[in-house]
């Protein structure tokens, strides 16, 4: 008896099957990336709004402090406090310091 050689047929992935699988994987990847990016964009947008609210609150505080500094820095106010404490101005001892742009 002669042995018959059996030919093993290799299963080949045909082009239409490969195309269908590739298309399905591509659609799933697209949907996953769209959902992820939309969620990420929403979280970034909410963080941006929170930071903008903090910035505006700090700007209001800075403006209030600047007004207070200008009020306390008034020359007449300083002179009146000095006069109340018994201090007087001597013109020979006054030194004026000006702010320069270089520093």
Protein backbone atom coordinates (compact mmCIF):
# COMPACT_ATOMS: atom_id res chain seq x y z
CA UNK A 1 0.00 0.00 0.00
CA UNK A 2 1.31 3.27 -0.99
CA UNK A 3 0.97 6.12 1.36
CA UNK A 4 -0.90 8.99 -0.03
CA UNK A 5 0.46 12.36 0.80
CA UNK A 6 -2.16 14.60 2.21
CA UNK A 7 -1.92 18.17 1.20
CA UNK A 8 -2.59 20.56 4.02
CA UNK A 9 -4.46 23.48 2.71
CA UNK A 10 -3.39 26.71 4.30
CA UNK A 11 -6.24 28.95 5.21
CA UNK A 12 -5.59 32.19 3.56
CA UNK A 13 -7.16 35.41 4.59
CA UNK A 14 -8.83 36.70 1.56
CA UNK A 15 -8.91 40.38 0.66
CA UNK A 16 -12.66 41.00 1.31
CA UNK A 17 -12.43 39.36 4.73
CA UNK A 18 -9.31 41.34 5.63
CA UNK A 19 -10.94 44.54 4.43
CA UNK A 20 -14.06 43.93 6.51
CA UNK A 21 -12.05 43.18 9.66
CA UNK A 22 -9.80 46.21 9.10
CA UNK A 23 -12.84 48.44 8.56
CA UNK A 24 -14.50 47.14 11.75
CA UNK A 25 -11.35 47.73 13.82
CA UNK A 26 -10.99 51.20 12.31
CA UNK A 27 -14.57 52.13 13.19
CA UNK A 28 -14.14 50.91 16.77
CA UNK A 29 -10.88 52.86 17.13
CA UNK A 30 -12.52 55.99 15.73
CA UNK A 31 -15.46 55.77 18.13
CA UNK A 32 -13.20 55.18 21.13
CA UNK A 33 -10.96 58.11 20.25
CA UNK A 34 -13.94 60.43 19.65
CA UNK A 35 -15.45 59.60 23.03
CA UNK A 36 -12.12 59.97 24.83
CA UNK A 37 -11.26 63.28 23.17
CA UNK A 38 -14.72 64.73 23.82
CA UNK A 39 -14.47 63.85 27.50
CA UNK A 40 -10.95 65.24 27.72
CA UNK A 41 -12.00 68.45 25.96
CA UNK A 42 -14.89 68.91 28.43
CA UNK A 43 -12.58 68.47 31.41
CA UNK A 44 -10.09 70.99 29.99
CA UNK A 45 -12.90 73.45 29.37
CA UNK A 46 -14.14 73.20 32.95
CA UNK A 47 -10.57 73.64 34.27
CA UNK A 48 -10.19 76.73 32.09
CA UNK A 49 -13.40 78.22 33.51
CA UNK A 50 -12.27 77.55 37.09
CA UNK A 51 -8.91 79.21 36.47
CA UNK A 52 -10.58 82.20 34.81
CA UNK A 53 -12.87 82.60 37.84
CA UNK A 54 -9.85 82.47 40.20
CA UNK A 55 -8.03 85.06 38.08
CA UNK A 56 -10.96 87.46 38.14
CA UNK A 57 -11.34 87.06 41.91
CA UNK A 58 -7.63 87.79 42.41
CA UNK A 59 -7.84 90.84 40.14
CA UNK A 60 -10.68 92.23 42.26
CA UNK A 61 -8.60 91.66 45.41
CA UNK A 62 -5.56 93.31 43.82
CA UNK A 63 -7.61 96.35 42.84
CA UNK A 64 -9.01 96.65 46.37
CA UNK A 65 -5.53 96.41 47.89
CA UNK A 66 -4.15 98.98 45.43
CA UNK A 67 -6.88 101.45 46.45
CA UNK A 68 -6.10 100.81 50.11
CA UNK A 69 -2.36 101.36 49.55
CA UNK A 70 -3.02 104.62 47.74
CA UNK A 71 -5.24 105.78 50.58
CA UNK A 72 -2.69 104.89 53.26
CA UNK A 73 0.18 106.35 51.23
CA UNK A 74 -1.37 109.81 51.08
CA UNK A 75 1.13 112.51 52.17
CA UNK A 76 -1.45 114.52 54.14
CA UNK A 77 -2.41 111.42 56.11
CA UNK A 78 1.22 110.73 57.03
CA UNK A 79 1.75 114.38 58.04
CA UNK A 80 -1.40 114.38 60.20
CA UNK A 81 -0.33 111.20 62.01
CA UNK A 82 3.13 112.68 62.57
CA UNK A 83 1.61 115.93 63.90
CA UNK A 84 -0.67 113.96 66.26
CA UNK A 85 2.39 112.24 67.70
CA UNK A 86 4.24 115.52 68.18
CA UNK A 87 6.56 115.30 65.19
CA UNK A 88 7.24 118.23 62.89
CA UNK A 89 8.90 118.66 59.51
CA UNK A 90 12.24 120.37 59.19
CA UNK A 91 12.92 121.45 55.63
CA UNK A 92 16.67 120.84 56.02
CA UNK A 93 16.16 117.14 56.81
CA UNK A 94 13.75 116.31 53.96
CA UNK A 95 15.21 114.07 51.28
CA UNK A 96 13.09 113.26 48.25
CA UNK A 97 13.60 109.84 46.67
CA UNK A 98 12.30 109.38 43.16
CA UNK A 99 11.68 106.13 41.38
CA UNK A 100 13.99 105.57 38.40
CA UNK A 101 13.17 103.49 35.38
CA UNK A 102 16.48 101.60 35.45
CA UNK A 103 15.68 99.59 38.59
